[in-house]
Amino acid sequence: MPALKVLDLSWTKIKCLPSSTSNLKNLIAQLLRGCRELELVPSVAKMEELRTLDLCESGIRVGEIGKSKSFDLNGSELRKLPLGVLPKLAHLQYLGSKLYVEGR
């Protein structure tokens, strides 16, 4: 599936994504909206083309964010971002969530 552009698993009962999904270098959108049982997404740092990561209404914890431009966490259980994550959001244009940034 190296040519896959969109991975839409929205509203499924998936519990975890295989680590191999982090190798989908041509992926432009990873849609996991409503995946309430999903707890962890492998790093998306290698996904150079990824522009949309939709985790809205999911039970997710986030690894490396990479070059995502749109990052929607509304309704997810994530409420805090570690301070070290902010520098990794250099390409971010949209953050759909109310988050507290932990740190100092």
PDB file of N, CA and C in Angstrom:
ATOM      1  N   MET A   1       0.806  -1.199   0.000  1.00  0.00           N
ATOM      2  CA  MET A   1       0.000   0.000   0.000  1.00  0.00           C
ATOM      3  C   MET A   1       0.855   1.271   0.000  1.00  0.00           C
ATOM      4  N   PRO A   2       2.003   1.278  -0.611  1.00  0.00           N
ATOM      5  CA  PRO A   2       2.843   2.474  -0.561  1.00  0.00           C
ATOM      6  C   PRO A   2       2.230   3.688  -1.259  1.00  0.00           C
ATOM      7  N   ALA A   3       1.292   3.482  -2.170  1.00  0.00           N
ATOM      8  CA  ALA A   3       0.690   4.604  -2.896  1.00  0.00           C
ATOM      9  C   ALA A   3      -0.562   5.153  -2.203  1.00  0.00           C
ATOM     10  N   LEU A   4      -0.943   4.588  -1.077  1.00  0.00           N
ATOM     11  CA  LEU A   4      -2.150   5.007  -0.360  1.00  0.00           C
ATOM     12  C   LEU A   4      -2.071   6.481   0.020  1.00  0.00           C
ATOM     13  N   LYS A   5      -3.127   7.237  -0.298  1.00  0.00           N
ATOM     14  CA  LYS A   5      -3.166   8.676  -0.018  1.00  0.00           C
ATOM     15  C   LYS A   5      -4.027   9.007   1.198  1.00  0.00           C
ATOM     16  N   VAL A   6      -5.134   8.269   1.390  1.00  0.00           N
ATOM     17  CA  VAL A   6      -6.046   8.541   2.502  1.00  0.00           C
ATOM     18  C   VAL A   6      -6.338   7.242   3.238  1.00  0.00           C
ATOM     19  N   LEU A   7      -6.162   7.264   4.552  1.00  0.00           N
ATOM     20  CA  LEU A   7      -6.503   6.126   5.402  1.00  0.00           C
ATOM     21  C   LEU A   7      -7.642   6.581   6.297  1.00  0.00           C
ATOM     22  N   ASP A   8      -8.857   6.110   6.007  1.00  0.00           N
ATOM     23  CA  ASP A   8     -10.043   6.524   6.758  1.00  0.00           C
ATOM     24  C   ASP A   8     -10.588   5.336   7.542  1.00  0.00           C
ATOM     25  N   LEU A   9     -10.344   5.347   8.834  1.00  0.00           N
ATOM     26  CA  LEU A   9     -10.844   4.306   9.733  1.00  0.00           C
ATOM     27  C   LEU A   9     -11.844   4.907  10.720  1.00  0.00           C
ATOM     28  N   SER A  10     -12.420   6.045  10.358  1.00  0.00           N
ATOM     29  CA  SER A  10     -13.351   6.757  11.233  1.00  0.00           C
ATOM     30  C   SER A  10     -14.494   5.864  11.686  1.00  0.00           C
ATOM     31  N   TRP A  11     -14.847   6.038  12.961  1.00  0.00           N
ATOM     32  CA  TRP A  11     -15.985   5.376  13.597  1.00  0.00           C
ATOM     33  C   TRP A  11     -15.871   3.854  13.624  1.00  0.00           C
ATOM     34  N   THR A  12     -14.647   3.339  13.596  1.00  0.00           N
ATOM     35  CA  THR A  12     -14.448   1.897  13.744  1.00  0.00           C
ATOM     36  C   THR A  12     -14.058   1.601  15.187  1.00  0.00           C
ATOM     37  N   LYS A  13     -14.023   0.338  15.538  1.00  0.00           N
ATOM     38  CA  LYS A  13     -13.662  -0.064  16.902  1.00  0.00           C
ATOM     39  C   LYS A  13     -12.208  -0.500  16.992  1.00  0.00           C
ATOM     40  N   ILE A  14     -11.394   0.019  16.098  1.00  0.00           N
ATOM     41  CA  ILE A  14      -9.979  -0.330  16.088  1.00  0.00           C
ATOM     42  C   ILE A  14      -9.334   0.096  17.412  1.00  0.00           C
ATOM     43  N   LYS A  15      -8.474  -0.771  17.935  1.00  0.00           N
ATOM     44  CA  LYS A  15      -7.827  -0.494  19.224  1.00  0.00           C
ATOM     45  C   LYS A  15      -6.411   0.029  19.056  1.00  0.00           C
ATOM     46  N   CYS A  16      -5.738  -0.395  17.996  1.00  0.00           N
ATOM     47  CA  CYS A  16      -4.388   0.111  17.739  1.00  0.00           C
ATOM     48  C   CYS A  16      -4.089  -0.002  16.250  1.00  0.00           C
ATOM     49  N   LEU A  17      -3.260   0.892  15.789  1.00  0.00           N
ATOM     50  CA  LEU A  17      -2.804   0.844  14.404  1.00  0.00           C
ATOM     51  C   LEU A  17      -1.490   0.090  14.359  1.00  0.00           C
ATOM     52  N   PRO A  18      -1.273  -0.710  13.334  1.00  0.00           N
ATOM     53  CA  PRO A  18       0.015  -1.401  13.227  1.00  0.00           C
ATOM     54  C   PRO A  18       1.147  -0.388  13.056  1.00  0.00           C
ATOM     55  N   SER A  19       2.298  -0.708  13.589  1.00  0.00           N
ATOM     56  CA  SER A  19       3.442   0.204  13.487  1.00  0.00           C
ATOM     57  C   SER A  19       3.817   0.468  12.031  1.00  0.00           C
ATOM     58  N   SER A  20       3.463  -0.445  11.137  1.00  0.00           N
ATOM     59  CA  SER A  20       3.787  -0.279   9.715  1.00  0.00           C
ATOM     60  C   SER A  20       3.071   0.917   9.088  1.00  0.00           C
ATOM     61  N   THR A  21       2.000   1.421   9.719  1.00  0.00           N
ATOM     62  CA  THR A  21       1.321   2.593   9.151  1.00  0.00           C
ATOM     63  C   THR A  21       2.237   3.812   9.148  1.00  0.00           C
ATOM     64  N   SER A  22       3.234   3.823  10.011  1.00  0.00           N
ATOM     65  CA  SER A  22       4.157   4.967  10.026  1.00  0.00           C
ATOM     66  C   SER A  22       5.047   4.998   8.784  1.00  0.00           C
ATOM     67  N   ASN A  23       5.026   3.924   7.992  1.00  0.00           N
ATOM     68  CA  ASN A  23       5.819   3.860   6.760  1.00  0.00           C
ATOM     69  C   ASN A  23       5.036   4.293   5.520  1.00  0.00           C
ATOM     70  N   LEU A  24       3.805   4.743   5.690  1.00  0.00           N
ATOM     71  CA  LEU A  24       2.980   5.174   4.559  1.00  0.00           C
ATOM     72  C   LEU A  24       3.383   6.598   4.171  1.00  0.00           C
ATOM     73  N   LYS A  25       4.477   6.715   3.459  1.00  0.00           N
ATOM     74  CA  LYS A  25       5.090   8.013   3.176  1.00  0.00           C
ATOM     75  C   LYS A  25       4.271   8.901   2.247  1.00  0.00           C
ATOM     76  N   ASN A  26       3.361   8.334   1.465  1.00  0.00           N
ATOM     77  CA  ASN A  26       2.548   9.125   0.542  1.00  0.00           C
ATOM     78  C   ASN A  26       1.190   9.506   1.117  1.00  0.00           C
ATOM     79  N   LEU A  27       0.915   9.092   2.344  1.00  0.00           N
ATOM     80  CA  LEU A  27      -0.372   9.370   2.974  1.00  0.00           C
ATOM     81  C   LEU A  27      -0.529  10.872   3.204  1.00  0.00           C
ATOM     82  N   ILE A  28      -1.666  11.432   2.766  1.00  0.00           N
ATOM     83  CA  ILE A  28      -1.914  12.856   2.997  1.00  0.00           C
ATOM     84  C   ILE A  28      -2.962  13.076   4.088  1.00  0.00           C
ATOM     85  N   ALA A  29      -3.783  12.047   4.368  1.00  0.00           N
ATOM     86  CA  ALA A  29      -4.802  12.186   5.411  1.00  0.00           C
ATOM     87  C   ALA A  29      -4.971  10.876   6.168  1.00  0.00           C
ATOM     88  N   GLN A  30      -4.928  10.983   7.485  1.00  0.00           N
ATOM     89  CA  GLN A  30      -5.186   9.835   8.359  1.00  0.00           C
ATOM     90  C   GLN A  30      -6.390  10.226   9.208  1.00  0.00           C
ATOM     91  N   LEU A  31      -7.524   9.580   8.946  1.00  0.00           N
ATOM     92  CA  LEU A  31      -8.789   9.951   9.568  1.00  0.00           C
ATOM     93  C   LEU A  31      -9.205   8.875  10.564  1.00  0.00           C
ATOM     94  N   LEU A  32      -9.192   9.242  11.836  1.00  0.00           N
ATOM     95  CA  LEU A  32      -9.493   8.300  12.915  1.00  0.00           C
ATOM     96  C   LEU A  32     -10.592   8.850  13.819  1.00  0.00           C
ATOM     97  N   ARG A  33     -11.430   9.683  13.246  1.00  0.00           N
ATOM     98  CA  ARG A  33     -12.529  10.314  13.986  1.00  0.00           C
ATOM     99  C   ARG A  33     -13.455   9.259  14.595  1.00  0.00           C
ATOM    100  N   GLY A  34     -13.772   9.445  15.875  1.00  0.00           N
ATOM    101  CA  GLY A  34     -14.733   8.577  16.540  1.00  0.00           C
ATOM    102  C   GLY A  34     -14.209   7.211  16.936  1.00  0.00           C
ATOM    103  N   CYS A  35     -12.926   6.973  16.802  1.00  0.00           N
ATOM    104  CA  CYS A  35     -12.338   5.681  17.198  1.00  0.00           C
ATOM    105  C   CYS A  35     -12.069   5.712  18.702  1.00  0.00           C
ATOM    106  N   ARG A  36     -13.103   5.551  19.487  1.00  0.00           N
ATOM    107  CA  ARG A  36     -13.033   5.712  20.942  1.00  0.00           C
ATOM    108  C   ARG A  36     -12.165   4.669  21.630  1.00  0.00           C
ATOM    109  N   GLU A  37     -11.983   3.521  21.007  1.00  0.00           N
ATOM    110  CA  GLU A  37     -11.159   2.473  21.620  1.00  0.00           C
ATOM    111  C   GLU A  37      -9.687   2.599  21.245  1.00  0.00           C
ATOM    112  N   LEU A  38      -9.388   3.459  20.303  1.00  0.00           N
ATOM    113  CA  LEU A  38      -8.012   3.667  19.865  1.00  0.00           C
ATOM    114  C   LEU A  38      -7.249   4.442  20.931  1.00  0.00           C
ATOM    115  N   GLU A  39      -6.103   3.910  21.333  1.00  0.00           N
ATOM    116  CA  GLU A  39      -5.335   4.541  22.402  1.00  0.00           C
ATOM    117  C   GLU A  39      -4.022   5.145  21.937  1.00  0.00           C
ATOM    118  N   LEU A  40      -3.425   4.581  20.905  1.00  0.00           N
ATOM    119  CA  LEU A  40      -2.111   5.066  20.493  1.00  0.00           C
ATOM    120  C   LEU A  40      -1.961   4.972  18.982  1.00  0.00           C
ATOM    121  N   VAL A  41      -1.434   6.024  18.398  1.00  0.00           N
ATOM    122  CA  VAL A  41      -1.136   6.048  16.965  1.00  0.00           C
ATOM    123  C   VAL A  41       0.378   6.049  16.827  1.00  0.00           C
ATOM    124  N   PRO A  42       0.930   5.166  15.997  1.00  0.00           N
ATOM    125  CA  PRO A  42       2.384   5.194  15.789  1.00  0.00           C
ATOM    126  C   PRO A  42       2.828   6.569  15.282  1.00  0.00           C
ATOM    127  N   SER A  43       4.076   6.869  15.460  1.00  0.00           N
ATOM    128  CA  SER A  43       4.624   8.157  15.034  1.00  0.00           C
ATOM    129  C   SER A  43       4.273   8.437  13.577  1.00  0.00           C
ATOM    130  N   VAL A  44       3.926   9.678  13.308  1.00  0.00           N
ATOM    131  CA  VAL A  44       3.651  10.088  11.931  1.00  0.00           C
ATOM    132  C   VAL A  44       4.806  10.928  11.380  1.00  0.00           C
ATOM    133  N   ALA A  45       5.910  10.964  12.090  1.00  0.00           N
ATOM    134  CA  ALA A  45       7.052  11.794  11.697  1.00  0.00           C
ATOM    135  C   ALA A  45       7.613  11.428  10.326  1.00  0.00           C
ATOM    136  N   LYS A  46       7.550  10.153   9.933  1.00  0.00           N
ATOM    137  CA  LYS A  46       8.072   9.723   8.630  1.00  0.00           C
ATOM    138  C   LYS A  46       7.100  10.006   7.488  1.00  0.00           C
ATOM    139  N   MET A  47       5.860  10.315   7.826  1.00  0.00           N
ATOM    140  CA  MET A  47       4.835  10.556   6.813  1.00  0.00           C
ATOM    141  C   MET A  47       4.989  11.972   6.283  1.00  0.00           C
ATOM    142  N   GLU A  48       5.902  12.140   5.352  1.00  0.00           N
ATOM    143  CA  GLU A  48       6.276  13.462   4.870  1.00  0.00           C
ATOM    144  C   GLU A  48       5.144  14.214   4.183  1.00  0.00           C
ATOM    145  N   GLU A  49       4.186  13.510   3.622  1.00  0.00           N
ATOM    146  CA  GLU A  49       3.086  14.151   2.901  1.00  0.00           C
ATOM    147  C   GLU A  49       1.851  14.360   3.772  1.00  0.00           C
ATOM    148  N   LEU A  50       1.830  13.826   4.983  1.00  0.00           N
ATOM    149  CA  LEU A  50       0.643  13.910   5.841  1.00  0.00           C
ATOM    150  C   LEU A  50       0.311  15.359   6.158  1.00  0.00           C
ATOM    151  N   ARG A  51      -0.915  15.747   5.833  1.00  0.00           N
ATOM    152  CA  ARG A  51      -1.369  17.107   6.080  1.00  0.00           C
ATOM    153  C   ARG A  51      -2.567  17.152   7.017  1.00  0.00           C
ATOM    154  N   THR A  52      -3.313  16.057   7.126  1.00  0.00           N
ATOM    155  CA  THR A  52      -4.483  16.028   8.000  1.00  0.00           C
ATOM    156  C   THR A  52      -4.434  14.795   8.881  1.00  0.00           C
ATOM    157  N   LEU A  53      -4.490  15.027  10.180  1.00  0.00           N
ATOM    158  CA  LEU A  53      -4.564  13.953  11.165  1.00  0.00           C
ATOM    159  C   LEU A  53      -5.788  14.238  12.013  1.00  0.00           C
ATOM    160  N   ASP A  54      -6.867  13.486  11.783  1.00  0.00           N
ATOM    161  CA  ASP A  54      -8.136  13.730  12.470  1.00  0.00           C
ATOM    162  C   ASP A  54      -8.321  12.692  13.568  1.00  0.00           C
ATOM    163  N   LEU A  55      -8.204  13.142  14.812  1.00  0.00           N
ATOM    164  CA  LEU A  55      -8.370  12.280  15.981  1.00  0.00           C
ATOM    165  C   LEU A  55      -9.563  12.731  16.814  1.00  0.00           C
ATOM    166  N   CYS A  56     -10.442  13.497  16.203  1.00  0.00           N
ATOM    167  CA  CYS A  56     -11.619  14.029  16.880  1.00  0.00           C
ATOM    168  C   CYS A  56     -12.451  12.889  17.477  1.00  0.00           C
ATOM    169  N   GLU A  57     -12.870  13.054  18.721  1.00  0.00           N
ATOM    170  CA  GLU A  57     -13.701  12.080  19.432  1.00  0.00           C
ATOM    171  C   GLU A  57     -13.061  10.703  19.518  1.00  0.00           C
ATOM    172  N   SER A  58     -11.753  10.682  19.719  1.00  0.00           N
ATOM    173  CA  SER A  58     -11.049   9.403  19.877  1.00  0.00           C
ATOM    174  C   SER A  58     -10.475   9.316  21.284  1.00  0.00           C
ATOM    175  N   GLY A  59      -9.988   8.149  21.652  1.00  0.00           N
ATOM    176  CA  GLY A  59      -9.372   7.952  22.956  1.00  0.00           C
ATOM    177  C   GLY A  59      -7.863   8.005  22.857  1.00  0.00           C
ATOM    178  N   ILE A  60      -7.349   8.870  22.029  1.00  0.00           N
ATOM    179  CA  ILE A  60      -5.967   8.820  21.589  1.00  0.00           C
ATOM    180  C   ILE A  60      -4.950   9.505  22.488  1.00  0.00           C
ATOM    181  N   ARG A  61      -3.734   8.964  22.431  1.00  0.00           N
ATOM    182  CA  ARG A  61      -2.526   9.627  22.927  1.00  0.00           C
ATOM    183  C   ARG A  61      -1.668   9.835  21.693  1.00  0.00           C
ATOM    184  N   VAL A  62      -0.913  10.886  21.662  1.00  0.00           N
ATOM    185  CA  VAL A  62      -0.196  11.243  20.443  1.00  0.00           C
ATOM    186  C   VAL A  62       1.301  11.054  20.588  1.00  0.00           C
ATOM    187  N   GLY A  63       1.904  10.431  19.553  1.00  0.00           N
ATOM    188  CA  GLY A  63       3.359  10.315  19.491  1.00  0.00           C
ATOM    189  C   GLY A  63       3.904  11.531  18.761  1.00  0.00           C
ATOM    190  N   GLU A  64       4.798  11.334  17.837  1.00  0.00           N
ATOM    191  CA  GLU A  64       5.361  12.451  17.077  1.00  0.00           C
ATOM    192  C   GLU A  64       4.384  12.894  16.000  1.00  0.00           C
ATOM    193  N   ILE A  65       4.240  14.184  15.849  1.00  0.00           N
ATOM    194  CA  ILE A  65       3.221  14.734  14.973  1.00  0.00           C
ATOM    195  C   ILE A  65       3.710  14.972  13.554  1.00  0.00           C
ATOM    196  N   GLY A  66       4.974  15.204  13.356  1.00  0.00           N
ATOM    197  CA  GLY A  66       5.516  15.393  12.014  1.00  0.00           C
ATOM    198  C   GLY A  66       5.094  16.701  11.387  1.00  0.00           C
ATOM    199  N   LYS A  67       4.777  16.671  10.077  1.00  0.00           N
ATOM    200  CA  LYS A  67       4.476  17.890   9.329  1.00  0.00           C
ATOM    201  C   LYS A  67       2.980  18.131   9.160  1.00  0.00           C
ATOM    202  N   SER A  68       2.154  17.531   9.985  1.00  0.00           N
ATOM    203  CA  SER A  68       0.712  17.712   9.856  1.00  0.00           C
ATOM    204  C   SER A  68       0.353  19.192   9.889  1.00  0.00           C
ATOM    205  N   LYS A  69      -0.561  19.585   9.002  1.00  0.00           N
ATOM    206  CA  LYS A  69      -1.025  20.970   8.965  1.00  0.00           C
ATOM    207  C   LYS A  69      -2.366  21.118   9.668  1.00  0.00           C
ATOM    208  N   SER A  70      -3.148  20.053   9.696  1.00  0.00           N
ATOM    209  CA  SER A  70      -4.460  20.089  10.327  1.00  0.00           C
ATOM    210  C   SER A  70      -4.506  18.986  11.374  1.00  0.00           C
ATOM    211  N   PHE A  71      -4.809  19.358  12.593  1.00  0.00           N
ATOM    212  CA  PHE A  71      -4.736  18.414  13.704  1.00  0.00           C
ATOM    213  C   PHE A  71      -5.977  18.613  14.548  1.00  0.00           C
ATOM    214  N   ASP A  72      -6.977  17.730  14.428  1.00  0.00           N
ATOM    215  CA  ASP A  72      -8.257  17.919  15.102  1.00  0.00           C
ATOM    216  C   ASP A  72      -8.408  16.929  16.238  1.00  0.00           C
ATOM    217  N   LEU A  73      -8.493  17.454  17.446  1.00  0.00           N
ATOM    218  CA  LEU A  73      -8.626  16.628  18.646  1.00  0.00           C
ATOM    219  C   LEU A  73      -9.919  16.911  19.395  1.00  0.00           C
ATOM    220  N   ASN A  74     -10.825  17.689  18.816  1.00  0.00           N
ATOM    221  CA  ASN A  74     -12.074  18.000  19.502  1.00  0.00           C
ATOM    222  C   ASN A  74     -12.793  16.733  19.929  1.00  0.00           C
ATOM    223  N   GLY A  75     -13.234  16.707  21.169  1.00  0.00           N
ATOM    224  CA  GLY A  75     -13.968  15.560  21.683  1.00  0.00           C
ATOM    225  C   GLY A  75     -13.100  14.379  22.050  1.00  0.00           C
ATOM    226  N   SER A  76     -11.784  14.482  21.866  1.00  0.00           N
ATOM    227  CA  SER A  76     -10.903  13.377  22.246  1.00  0.00           C
ATOM    228  C   SER A  76     -10.601  13.480  23.734  1.00  0.00           C
ATOM    229  N   GLU A  77      -9.984  12.454  24.274  1.00  0.00           N
ATOM    230  CA  GLU A  77      -9.652  12.453  25.690  1.00  0.00           C
ATOM    231  C   GLU A  77      -8.351  13.194  25.974  1.00  0.00           C
ATOM    232  N   LEU A  78      -7.649  13.610  24.943  1.00  0.00           N
ATOM    233  CA  LEU A  78      -6.398  14.332  25.131  1.00  0.00           C
ATOM    234  C   LEU A  78      -6.696  15.759  25.575  1.00  0.00           C
ATOM    235  N   ARG A  79      -6.150  16.151  26.704  1.00  0.00           N
ATOM    236  CA  ARG A  79      -6.386  17.485  27.244  1.00  0.00           C
ATOM    237  C   ARG A  79      -5.097  18.254  27.496  1.00  0.00           C
ATOM    238  N   LYS A  80      -3.957  17.557  27.488  1.00  0.00           N
ATOM    239  CA  LYS A  80      -2.686  18.206  27.782  1.00  0.00           C
ATOM    240  C   LYS A  80      -1.665  17.858  26.717  1.00  0.00           C
ATOM    241  N   LEU A  81      -0.868  18.819  26.340  1.00  0.00           N
ATOM    242  CA  LEU A  81       0.259  18.598  25.436  1.00  0.00           C
ATOM    243  C   LEU A  81       1.534  18.897  26.206  1.00  0.00           C
ATOM    244  N   PRO A  82       2.512  18.000  26.173  1.00  0.00           N
ATOM    245  CA  PRO A  82       3.790  18.319  26.810  1.00  0.00           C
ATOM    246  C   PRO A  82       4.439  19.508  26.109  1.00  0.00           C
ATOM    247  N   LEU A  83       5.147  20.325  26.853  1.00  0.00           N
ATOM    248  CA  LEU A  83       5.789  21.513  26.309  1.00  0.00           C
ATOM    249  C   LEU A  83       6.691  21.189  25.122  1.00  0.00           C
ATOM    250  N   GLY A  84       7.366  20.047  25.145  1.00  0.00           N
ATOM    251  CA  GLY A  84       8.279  19.657  24.078  1.00  0.00           C
ATOM    252  C   GLY A  84       7.613  19.385  22.744  1.00  0.00           C
ATOM    253  N   VAL A  85       6.285  19.248  22.716  1.00  0.00           N
ATOM    254  CA  VAL A  85       5.570  18.977  21.471  1.00  0.00           C
ATOM    255  C   VAL A  85       5.442  20.248  20.630  1.00  0.00           C
ATOM    256  N   LEU A  86       5.353  21.404  21.261  1.00  0.00           N
ATOM    257  CA  LEU A  86       5.113  22.651  20.527  1.00  0.00           C
ATOM    258  C   LEU A  86       6.109  22.921  19.406  1.00  0.00           C
ATOM    259  N   PRO A  87       7.413  22.756  19.613  1.00  0.00           N
ATOM    260  CA  PRO A  87       8.345  22.999  18.507  1.00  0.00           C
ATOM    261  C   PRO A  87       8.135  22.053  17.326  1.00  0.00           C
ATOM    262  N   LYS A  88       7.509  20.911  17.553  1.00  0.00           N
ATOM    263  CA  LYS A  88       7.273  19.941  16.486  1.00  0.00           C
ATOM    264  C   LYS A  88       6.047  20.304  15.652  1.00  0.00           C
ATOM    265  N   LEU A  89       5.351  21.359  16.036  1.00  0.00           N
ATOM    266  CA  LEU A  89       4.139  21.766  15.326  1.00  0.00           C
ATOM    267  C   LEU A  89       4.404  22.922  14.365  1.00  0.00           C
ATOM    268  N   ALA A  90       5.594  22.990  13.830  1.00  0.00           N
ATOM    269  CA  ALA A  90       6.005  24.109  12.977  1.00  0.00           C
ATOM    270  C   ALA A  90       5.126  24.279  11.741  1.00  0.00           C
ATOM    271  N   HIS A  91       4.564  23.216  11.215  1.00  0.00           N
ATOM    272  CA  HIS A  91       3.762  23.286   9.992  1.00  0.00           C
ATOM    273  C   HIS A  91       2.267  23.420  10.273  1.00  0.00           C
ATOM    274  N   LEU A  92       1.896  23.404  11.544  1.00  0.00           N
ATOM    275  CA  LEU A  92       0.486  23.393  11.917  1.00  0.00           C
ATOM    276  C   LEU A  92      -0.213  24.688  11.515  1.00  0.00           C
ATOM    277  N   GLN A  93      -1.364  24.548  10.847  1.00  0.00           N
ATOM    278  CA  GLN A  93      -2.175  25.698  10.471  1.00  0.00           C
ATOM    279  C   GLN A  93      -3.519  25.676  11.190  1.00  0.00           C
ATOM    280  N   TYR A  94      -3.941  24.502  11.649  1.00  0.00           N
ATOM    281  CA  TYR A  94      -5.232  24.379  12.324  1.00  0.00           C
ATOM    282  C   TYR A  94      -5.114  23.381  13.467  1.00  0.00           C
ATOM    283  N   LEU A  95      -5.506  23.793  14.666  1.00  0.00           N
ATOM    284  CA  LEU A  95      -5.556  22.898  15.814  1.00  0.00           C
ATOM    285  C   LEU A  95      -6.959  22.980  16.370  1.00  0.00           C
ATOM    286  N   GLY A  96      -7.750  21.948  16.112  1.00  0.00           N
ATOM    287  CA  GLY A  96      -9.131  21.939  16.563  1.00  0.00           C
ATOM    288  C   GLY A  96      -9.250  21.298  17.929  1.00  0.00           C
ATOM    289  N   SER A  97      -9.010  22.076  18.967  1.00  0.00           N
ATOM    290  CA  SER A  97      -9.130  21.556  20.325  1.00  0.00           C
ATOM    291  C   SER A  97      -8.813  22.652  21.321  1.00  0.00           C
ATOM    292  N   LYS A  98      -9.243  22.431  22.544  1.00  0.00           N
ATOM    293  CA  LYS A  98      -8.852  23.293  23.653  1.00  0.00           C
ATOM    294  C   LYS A  98      -7.917  22.468  24.509  1.00  0.00           C
ATOM    295  N   LEU A  99      -6.642  22.779  24.451  1.00  0.00           N
ATOM    296  CA  LEU A  99      -5.631  22.001  25.159  1.00  0.00           C
ATOM    297  C   LEU A  99      -4.878  22.866  26.147  1.00  0.00           C
ATOM    298  N   TYR A 100      -4.423  22.229  27.201  1.00  0.00           N
ATOM    299  CA  TYR A 100      -3.554  22.851  28.191  1.00  0.00           C
ATOM    300  C   TYR A 100      -2.144  22.379  27.887  1.00  0.00           C
ATOM    301  N   VAL A 101      -1.198  23.303  27.802  1.00  0.00           N
ATOM    302  CA  VAL A 101       0.188  22.937  27.537  1.00  0.00           C
ATOM    303  C   VAL A 101       0.913  22.804  28.863  1.00  0.00           C
ATOM    304  N   GLU A 102       1.403  21.573  29.149  1.00  0.00           N
ATOM    305  CA  GLU A 102       2.128  21.318  30.388  1.00  0.00           C
ATOM    306  C   GLU A 102       3.521  21.905  30.300  1.00  0.00           C
ATOM    307  N   GLY A 103       4.057  22.308  31.396  1.00  0.00           N
ATOM    308  CA  GLY A 103       5.430  22.799  31.410  1.00  0.00           C
ATOM    309  C   GLY A 103       5.616  23.823  32.499  1.00  0.00           C
ATOM    310  N   ARG A 104       6.618  24.583  32.333  1.00  0.00           N
ATOM    311  CA  ARG A 104       7.036  25.610  33.278  1.00  0.00           C
ATOM    312  C   ARG A 104       6.003  26.059  34.227  1.00  0.00           C
TER     313      ARG A 104
END
